Amino acid sequence: MSKEISKPKKIAAWVIAGLLTGLFLFSAAGKFLHPEQLDGIKLGDWRVIIALGEIASVLLFLYPRTNLYGTVLLSSYMGGAIIVHMTTAQSIVFPTVVLLLVWTVGYLRNPGICNCKKA
């Protein structure tokens, strides 16, 4: 079931997706440039794999044909970030807001994703 997306929604989705892409690429670059960043949570040995997964997910998210897969992968990634923040006694507000923005873009780009019928 494919629905046409209005122009304002399309523009909003691209703007938010662009901002999120920049955020995730900045985060991935930080994992390469500052290896000590993940040592505190005992994930330093996994930093390259995490960064490459983050880059792959954001590229899938950005490309229109695969944005649904990217949405699912970034949702999983942000879910993990929320868990890490919870276990290290950090605020979960920022990763939660990012997760909500990922879902917003996913919904704006794929309006038929919710098969909600009005009563």
N, C-alpha and C. Protein backbone atom coordinates (compact mmCIF):
# COMPACT_ATOMS: atom_id res chain seq x y z
N MET A 1 0.84 -1.17 0.00
CA MET A 1 0.00 0.00 0.00
C MET A 1 0.89 1.24 0.00
N SER A 2 0.85 1.95 -1.08
CA SER A 2 1.70 3.11 -1.22
C SER A 2 0.86 4.38 -1.25
N LYS A 3 1.20 5.30 -0.41
CA LYS A 3 0.51 6.59 -0.37
C LYS A 3 1.48 7.66 -0.84
N GLU A 4 0.95 8.66 -1.52
CA GLU A 4 1.77 9.78 -1.97
C GLU A 4 2.05 10.70 -0.78
N ILE A 5 3.27 11.19 -0.71
CA ILE A 5 3.68 12.06 0.38
C ILE A 5 3.56 13.51 -0.09
N SER A 6 2.97 14.36 0.75
CA SER A 6 2.84 15.77 0.39
C SER A 6 4.22 16.44 0.39
N LYS A 7 4.33 17.52 -0.36
CA LYS A 7 5.61 18.21 -0.51
C LYS A 7 6.17 18.73 0.82
N PRO A 8 5.35 19.37 1.69
CA PRO A 8 5.90 19.83 2.98
C PRO A 8 6.41 18.67 3.85
N LYS A 9 5.71 17.55 3.83
CA LYS A 9 6.17 16.39 4.61
C LYS A 9 7.46 15.84 4.04
N LYS A 10 7.55 15.84 2.71
CA LYS A 10 8.76 15.35 2.05
C LYS A 10 9.96 16.24 2.42
N ILE A 11 9.74 17.54 2.40
CA ILE A 11 10.81 18.49 2.75
C ILE A 11 11.21 18.32 4.22
N ALA A 12 10.22 18.21 5.09
CA ALA A 12 10.51 18.03 6.52
C ALA A 12 11.28 16.74 6.76
N ALA A 13 10.89 15.68 6.08
CA ALA A 13 11.57 14.39 6.24
C ALA A 13 13.03 14.50 5.79
N TRP A 14 13.27 15.18 4.65
CA TRP A 14 14.64 15.32 4.15
C TRP A 14 15.48 16.19 5.07
N VAL A 15 14.91 17.26 5.61
CA VAL A 15 15.66 18.13 6.51
C VAL A 15 16.05 17.38 7.78
N ILE A 16 15.09 16.69 8.39
CA ILE A 16 15.39 15.94 9.61
C ILE A 16 16.37 14.81 9.31
N ALA A 17 16.17 14.12 8.19
CA ALA A 17 17.08 13.03 7.81
C ALA A 17 18.49 13.55 7.58
N GLY A 18 18.61 14.72 6.98
CA GLY A 18 19.93 15.31 6.77
C GLY A 18 20.62 15.65 8.08
N LEU A 19 19.86 16.22 9.01
CA LEU A 19 20.43 16.55 10.32
C LEU A 19 20.86 15.28 11.07
N LEU A 20 20.00 14.26 11.01
CA LEU A 20 20.33 13.00 11.68
C LEU A 20 21.55 12.34 11.03
N THR A 21 21.64 12.42 9.71
CA THR A 21 22.79 11.85 9.01
C THR A 21 24.08 12.52 9.47
N GLY A 22 24.05 13.84 9.55
CA GLY A 22 25.22 14.57 10.04
C GLY A 22 25.58 14.16 11.45
N LEU A 23 24.58 14.01 12.30
CA LEU A 23 24.81 13.62 13.69
C LEU A 23 25.45 12.24 13.78
N PHE A 24 24.89 11.28 13.03
CA PHE A 24 25.42 9.91 13.09
C PHE A 24 26.81 9.81 12.47
N LEU A 25 27.07 10.54 11.39
CA LEU A 25 28.40 10.52 10.78
C LEU A 25 29.43 11.18 11.70
N PHE A 26 29.03 12.24 12.39
CA PHE A 26 29.90 12.88 13.37
C PHE A 26 30.22 11.91 14.52
N SER A 27 29.20 11.19 14.95
CA SER A 27 29.38 10.21 16.01
C SER A 27 30.32 9.09 15.58
N ALA A 28 30.14 8.60 14.35
CA ALA A 28 31.00 7.53 13.84
C ALA A 28 32.44 8.02 13.70
N ALA A 29 32.63 9.25 13.23
CA ALA A 29 33.97 9.81 13.10
C ALA A 29 34.64 9.91 14.47
N GLY A 30 33.87 10.25 15.48
CA GLY A 30 34.40 10.33 16.83
C GLY A 30 34.93 8.99 17.32
N LYS A 31 34.29 7.91 16.89
CA LYS A 31 34.75 6.58 17.30
C LYS A 31 36.10 6.25 16.65
N PHE A 32 36.34 6.77 15.45
CA PHE A 32 37.62 6.56 14.79
C PHE A 32 38.70 7.50 15.34
N LEU A 33 38.34 8.74 15.57
CA LEU A 33 39.33 9.75 15.96
C LEU A 33 39.66 9.75 17.45
N HIS A 34 38.73 9.28 18.27
CA HIS A 34 38.93 9.26 19.72
C HIS A 34 38.65 7.86 20.25
N PRO A 35 39.60 6.95 20.12
CA PRO A 35 39.37 5.56 20.51
C PRO A 35 39.05 5.39 22.00
N GLU A 36 39.52 6.31 22.81
CA GLU A 36 39.26 6.20 24.26
C GLU A 36 37.81 6.46 24.62
N GLN A 37 37.03 6.96 23.67
CA GLN A 37 35.64 7.33 23.90
C GLN A 37 34.81 6.14 24.42
N LEU A 38 35.07 4.94 23.93
CA LEU A 38 34.28 3.79 24.32
C LEU A 38 34.96 2.91 25.37
N ASP A 39 36.16 3.30 25.80
CA ASP A 39 36.87 2.49 26.80
C ASP A 39 36.16 2.49 28.15
N GLY A 40 35.53 3.59 28.50
CA GLY A 40 34.86 3.70 29.79
C GLY A 40 33.70 2.73 29.96
N ILE A 41 33.11 2.33 28.85
CA ILE A 41 31.98 1.39 28.92
C ILE A 41 32.38 0.00 28.40
N LYS A 42 33.70 -0.24 28.32
CA LYS A 42 34.27 -1.54 27.94
C LYS A 42 33.91 -1.96 26.52
N LEU A 43 33.74 -0.99 25.61
CA LEU A 43 33.44 -1.30 24.21
C LEU A 43 34.54 -0.81 23.26
N GLY A 44 35.70 -0.48 23.81
CA GLY A 44 36.79 0.06 23.01
C GLY A 44 37.25 -0.88 21.91
N ASP A 45 37.24 -2.19 22.17
CA ASP A 45 37.66 -3.16 21.16
C ASP A 45 36.65 -3.26 20.01
N TRP A 46 35.43 -2.81 20.23
CA TRP A 46 34.37 -2.93 19.23
C TRP A 46 34.11 -1.62 18.49
N ARG A 47 34.89 -0.61 18.75
CA ARG A 47 34.60 0.73 18.22
C ARG A 47 34.56 0.78 16.70
N VAL A 48 35.45 0.07 16.01
CA VAL A 48 35.46 0.10 14.54
C VAL A 48 34.21 -0.57 13.99
N ILE A 49 33.83 -1.69 14.55
CA ILE A 49 32.62 -2.39 14.10
C ILE A 49 31.39 -1.55 14.38
N ILE A 50 31.34 -0.93 15.54
CA ILE A 50 30.20 -0.07 15.88
C ILE A 50 30.12 1.11 14.92
N ALA A 51 31.26 1.75 14.64
CA ALA A 51 31.27 2.91 13.74
C ALA A 51 30.88 2.51 12.32
N LEU A 52 31.39 1.38 11.82
CA LEU A 52 31.02 0.93 10.47
C LEU A 52 29.54 0.57 10.39
N GLY A 53 29.02 -0.04 11.45
CA GLY A 53 27.58 -0.34 11.49
C GLY A 53 26.74 0.92 11.51
N GLU A 54 27.22 1.91 12.21
CA GLU A 54 26.53 3.20 12.27
C GLU A 54 26.51 3.87 10.90
N ILE A 55 27.65 3.84 10.20
CA ILE A 55 27.74 4.44 8.87
C ILE A 55 26.85 3.70 7.88
N ALA A 56 26.89 2.37 7.90
CA ALA A 56 26.06 1.58 6.99
C ALA A 56 24.58 1.84 7.25
N SER A 57 24.20 1.90 8.51
CA SER A 57 22.80 2.13 8.86
C SER A 57 22.32 3.50 8.39
N VAL A 58 23.14 4.52 8.57
CA VAL A 58 22.74 5.87 8.19
C VAL A 58 22.67 6.00 6.67
N LEU A 59 23.54 5.29 5.94
CA LEU A 59 23.45 5.32 4.47
C LEU A 59 22.17 4.64 3.98
N LEU A 60 21.80 3.53 4.61
CA LEU A 60 20.53 2.89 4.28
C LEU A 60 19.35 3.79 4.62
N PHE A 61 19.47 4.51 5.72
CA PHE A 61 18.43 5.43 6.17
C PHE A 61 18.26 6.59 5.20
N LEU A 62 19.37 7.07 4.65
CA LEU A 62 19.33 8.23 3.77
C LEU A 62 18.79 7.89 2.37
N TYR A 63 19.13 6.73 1.86
CA TYR A 63 18.71 6.33 0.52
C TYR A 63 17.22 5.99 0.51
N PRO A 64 16.42 6.62 -0.36
CA PRO A 64 14.96 6.45 -0.31
C PRO A 64 14.46 5.00 -0.42
N ARG A 65 15.09 4.19 -1.25
CA ARG A 65 14.60 2.80 -1.42
C ARG A 65 14.85 1.92 -0.21
N THR A 66 15.84 2.27 0.58
CA THR A 66 16.18 1.42 1.73
C THR A 66 15.97 2.13 3.06
N ASN A 67 15.25 3.25 3.06
CA ASN A 67 15.13 4.02 4.30
C ASN A 67 14.40 3.26 5.40
N LEU A 68 13.52 2.36 5.04
CA LEU A 68 12.82 1.59 6.06
C LEU A 68 13.80 0.67 6.81
N TYR A 69 14.73 0.05 6.06
CA TYR A 69 15.75 -0.80 6.70
C TYR A 69 16.67 0.04 7.59
N GLY A 70 17.04 1.20 7.08
CA GLY A 70 17.87 2.10 7.87
C GLY A 70 17.17 2.56 9.13
N THR A 71 15.86 2.80 9.03
CA THR A 71 15.08 3.19 10.21
C THR A 71 15.11 2.11 11.27
N VAL A 72 14.94 0.86 10.85
CA VAL A 72 14.96 -0.26 11.80
C VAL A 72 16.35 -0.39 12.43
N LEU A 73 17.40 -0.30 11.61
CA LEU A 73 18.76 -0.43 12.13
C LEU A 73 19.13 0.71 13.07
N LEU A 74 18.78 1.94 12.69
CA LEU A 74 19.08 3.07 13.57
C LEU A 74 18.25 3.02 14.85
N SER A 75 17.03 2.49 14.77
CA SER A 75 16.22 2.32 15.98
C SER A 75 16.89 1.34 16.93
N SER A 76 17.42 0.26 16.38
CA SER A 76 18.14 -0.72 17.20
C SER A 76 19.39 -0.11 17.81
N TYR A 77 20.11 0.64 17.00
CA TYR A 77 21.33 1.29 17.48
C TYR A 77 21.02 2.26 18.62
N MET A 78 19.98 3.08 18.44
CA MET A 78 19.62 4.04 19.48
C MET A 78 19.05 3.34 20.71
N GLY A 79 18.38 2.22 20.52
CA GLY A 79 17.93 1.43 21.67
C GLY A 79 19.11 0.97 22.50
N GLY A 80 20.17 0.53 21.81
CA GLY A 80 21.39 0.14 22.51
C GLY A 80 22.03 1.31 23.22
N ALA A 81 22.01 2.47 22.57
CA ALA A 81 22.57 3.68 23.19
C ALA A 81 21.79 4.04 24.46
N ILE A 82 20.48 3.89 24.41
CA ILE A 82 19.66 4.18 25.60
C ILE A 82 20.02 3.22 26.73
N ILE A 83 20.19 1.94 26.41
CA ILE A 83 20.55 0.95 27.43
C ILE A 83 21.91 1.29 28.05
N VAL A 84 22.88 1.64 27.20
CA VAL A 84 24.21 2.01 27.71
C VAL A 84 24.11 3.24 28.61
N HIS A 85 23.32 4.22 28.21
CA HIS A 85 23.15 5.41 29.04
C HIS A 85 22.51 5.06 30.37
N MET A 86 21.56 4.14 30.34
CA MET A 86 20.91 3.74 31.59
C MET A 86 21.87 3.00 32.52
N THR A 87 22.69 2.11 31.95
CA THR A 87 23.59 1.32 32.79
C THR A 87 24.78 2.12 33.31
N THR A 88 25.08 3.26 32.67
CA THR A 88 26.18 4.10 33.13
C THR A 88 25.68 5.36 33.84
N ALA A 89 24.42 5.37 34.20
CA ALA A 89 23.80 6.46 34.96
C ALA A 89 23.91 7.80 34.25
N GLN A 90 23.74 7.79 32.92
CA GLN A 90 23.71 9.02 32.13
C GLN A 90 22.27 9.33 31.75
N SER A 91 22.02 10.54 31.37
CA SER A 91 20.68 10.93 30.95
C SER A 91 20.31 10.24 29.64
N ILE A 92 19.07 9.78 29.54
CA ILE A 92 18.61 9.11 28.32
C ILE A 92 17.81 10.06 27.43
N VAL A 93 17.77 11.33 27.78
CA VAL A 93 16.95 12.28 27.03
C VAL A 93 17.43 12.43 25.59
N PHE A 94 18.73 12.67 25.38
CA PHE A 94 19.23 12.90 24.03
C PHE A 94 19.05 11.68 23.12
N PRO A 95 19.46 10.46 23.54
CA PRO A 95 19.23 9.33 22.64
C PRO A 95 17.75 9.05 22.39
N THR A 96 16.91 9.35 23.35
CA THR A 96 15.47 9.15 23.16
C THR A 96 14.92 10.14 22.14
N VAL A 97 15.36 11.38 22.20
CA VAL A 97 14.92 12.39 21.22
C VAL A 97 15.40 12.00 19.83
N VAL A 98 16.64 11.53 19.71
CA VAL A 98 17.16 11.10 18.41
C VAL A 98 16.35 9.92 17.89
N LEU A 99 16.03 8.98 18.75
CA LEU A 99 15.21 7.83 18.36
C LEU A 99 13.83 8.27 17.86
N LEU A 100 13.22 9.21 18.55
CA LEU A 100 11.91 9.72 18.12
C LEU A 100 12.01 10.42 16.77
N LEU A 101 13.11 11.13 16.52
CA LEU A 101 13.31 11.77 15.22
C LEU A 101 13.51 10.74 14.11
N VAL A 102 14.22 9.66 14.41
CA VAL A 102 14.38 8.58 13.43
C VAL A 102 13.02 8.00 13.08
N TRP A 103 12.19 7.75 14.09
CA TRP A 103 10.85 7.21 13.84
C TRP A 103 9.99 8.21 13.06
N THR A 104 10.13 9.49 13.37
CA THR A 104 9.37 10.52 12.67
C THR A 104 9.70 10.51 11.18
N VAL A 105 10.98 10.46 10.85
CA VAL A 105 11.38 10.41 9.45
C VAL A 105 10.87 9.13 8.81
N GLY A 106 10.99 8.02 9.52
CA GLY A 106 10.48 6.75 8.99
C GLY A 106 9.00 6.81 8.66
N TYR A 107 8.25 7.45 9.53
CA TYR A 107 6.80 7.57 9.30
C TYR A 107 6.51 8.56 8.17
N LEU A 108 7.19 9.69 8.14
CA LEU A 108 6.94 10.68 7.09
C LEU A 108 7.29 10.14 5.71
N ARG A 109 8.34 9.36 5.62
CA ARG A 109 8.75 8.81 4.32
C ARG A 109 7.93 7.59 3.92
N ASN A 110 7.35 6.90 4.87
CA ASN A 110 6.58 5.68 4.61
C ASN A 110 5.22 5.79 5.28
N PRO A 111 4.33 6.61 4.75
CA PRO A 111 3.04 6.83 5.42
C PRO A 111 2.18 5.57 5.50
N GLY A 112 2.40 4.62 4.63
CA GLY A 112 1.61 3.39 4.66
C GLY A 112 2.10 2.38 5.69
N ILE A 113 3.14 2.76 6.45
CA ILE A 113 3.71 1.85 7.43
C ILE A 113 2.73 1.55 8.57
N CYS A 114 1.91 2.51 8.87
CA CYS A 114 0.91 2.34 9.93
C CYS A 114 -0.43 2.04 9.27
N ASN A 115 -0.87 0.83 9.43
CA ASN A 115 -2.15 0.43 8.87
C ASN A 115 -3.27 0.70 9.85
N CYS A 116 -3.25 1.87 10.42
CA CYS A 116 -4.26 2.25 11.39
C CYS A 116 -5.54 2.64 10.66
N LYS A 117 -6.62 2.04 11.06
CA LYS A 117 -7.92 2.37 10.47
C LYS A 117 -8.72 3.17 11.49
N LYS A 118 -9.32 4.23 11.01
CA LYS A 118 -10.13 5.06 11.90
C LYS A 118 -11.45 4.35 12.19
N ALA A 119 -11.86 4.44 13.43
CA ALA A 119 -13.09 3.77 13.85
C ALA A 119 -14.32 4.52 13.42
